[in-house]
Amino acid sequence: MFATVSFDVKSGNALSIPVRAIVNVQGKDFAFVSTAPNVFERRALMLGQQVNDKAIVLHGLNAGDRVVIKGAMELKGISFGY
């Protein structure tokens, strides 16, 4: 027997970031947060469902964090030594 099941995911009040802000290194997800002008901190993320072009963040960011969206791949190279 087979069944087709679909779950409706609502965006609600969850903390989320654009998918393009997420960098993946060896199966782990990270984002870069601006902590001061031209100073960025790499944060490990635990992600939940993806809703449209955003991913729900379960752990690793706080409300109000300024997440890098444009240029995240360049910071990945600098941060991880690529």
Protein backbone atom coordinates (compact mmCIF):
# COMPACT_ATOMS: atom_id res chain seq x y z
CA MET A 1 0.00 0.00 0.00
CA PHE A 2 1.07 3.56 -0.68
CA ALA A 3 -0.24 6.90 0.42
CA THR A 4 0.48 10.47 -0.51
CA VAL A 5 0.69 12.79 2.47
CA SER A 6 1.20 16.54 2.48
CA PHE A 7 1.77 18.82 5.42
CA ASP A 8 0.85 22.46 5.33
CA VAL A 9 3.64 24.59 6.79
CA LYS A 10 2.66 28.06 7.90
CA SER A 11 5.21 30.85 8.27
CA GLY A 12 3.77 32.13 11.59
CA ASN A 13 6.02 34.02 14.03
CA ALA A 14 9.13 31.85 13.67
CA LEU A 15 12.56 33.41 13.30
CA SER A 16 13.63 32.97 9.69
CA ILE A 17 16.30 34.14 7.28
CA PRO A 18 16.57 34.14 3.49
CA VAL A 19 17.96 30.88 2.13
CA ARG A 20 20.63 32.81 0.22
CA ALA A 21 22.13 33.92 3.57
CA ILE A 22 22.89 30.31 4.55
CA VAL A 23 26.25 28.76 3.73
CA ASN A 24 26.81 25.04 4.03
CA VAL A 25 30.19 23.54 4.89
CA GLN A 26 30.60 19.78 5.25
CA GLY A 27 26.90 19.29 5.93
CA LYS A 28 26.65 22.05 8.55
CA ASP A 29 24.76 25.32 8.08
CA PHE A 30 26.15 28.74 8.97
CA ALA A 31 25.24 32.40 8.65
CA PHE A 32 27.32 35.53 9.13
CA VAL A 33 26.13 38.23 11.52
CA SER A 34 27.34 41.84 11.44
CA THR A 35 28.57 42.71 14.94
CA ALA A 36 30.12 46.10 14.07
CA PRO A 37 30.88 48.00 10.86
CA ASN A 38 32.91 45.62 8.65
CA VAL A 39 33.07 42.99 11.43
CA PHE A 40 31.27 39.68 10.92
CA GLU A 41 30.79 36.66 13.14
CA ARG A 42 30.17 33.16 11.80
CA ARG A 43 27.28 31.40 13.56
CA ALA A 44 26.40 27.71 13.38
CA LEU A 45 22.70 27.21 12.71
CA MET A 46 20.10 24.59 13.43
CA LEU A 47 17.44 25.00 10.78
CA GLY A 48 13.84 23.89 10.57
CA GLN A 49 11.47 23.89 7.61
CA GLN A 50 12.02 25.99 4.53
CA VAL A 51 9.02 28.15 3.68
CA ASN A 52 9.24 29.69 0.22
CA ASP A 53 12.62 31.48 0.07
CA LYS A 54 13.18 31.55 3.85
CA ALA A 55 14.44 28.98 6.32
CA ILE A 56 13.23 28.79 9.90
CA VAL A 57 16.08 29.14 12.40
CA LEU A 58 15.69 26.96 15.49
CA HIS A 59 19.06 27.79 17.05
CA GLY A 60 22.05 30.04 16.31
CA LEU A 61 20.51 33.47 15.78
CA ASN A 62 18.59 35.95 17.89
CA ALA A 63 15.82 38.31 16.87
CA GLY A 64 17.41 41.54 15.70
CA ASP A 65 20.68 39.99 14.50
CA ARG A 66 21.87 41.59 11.26
CA VAL A 67 22.48 38.68 8.91
CA VAL A 68 24.64 39.03 5.80
CA ILE A 69 22.69 38.23 2.67
CA LYS A 70 24.74 39.69 -0.18
CA GLY A 71 28.37 38.55 -0.02
CA ALA A 72 27.85 35.57 2.28
CA MET A 73 29.74 33.27 -0.10
CA GLU A 74 32.77 35.59 -0.05
CA LEU A 75 32.74 35.55 3.77
CA LYS A 76 32.52 31.77 3.64
CA GLY A 77 35.76 31.66 1.66
CA ILE A 78 37.53 34.01 4.06
CA SER A 79 36.13 32.38 7.22
CA PHE A 80 36.88 28.80 6.23
CA GLY A 81 40.14 29.50 4.38
CA TYR A 82 39.02 28.66 0.85
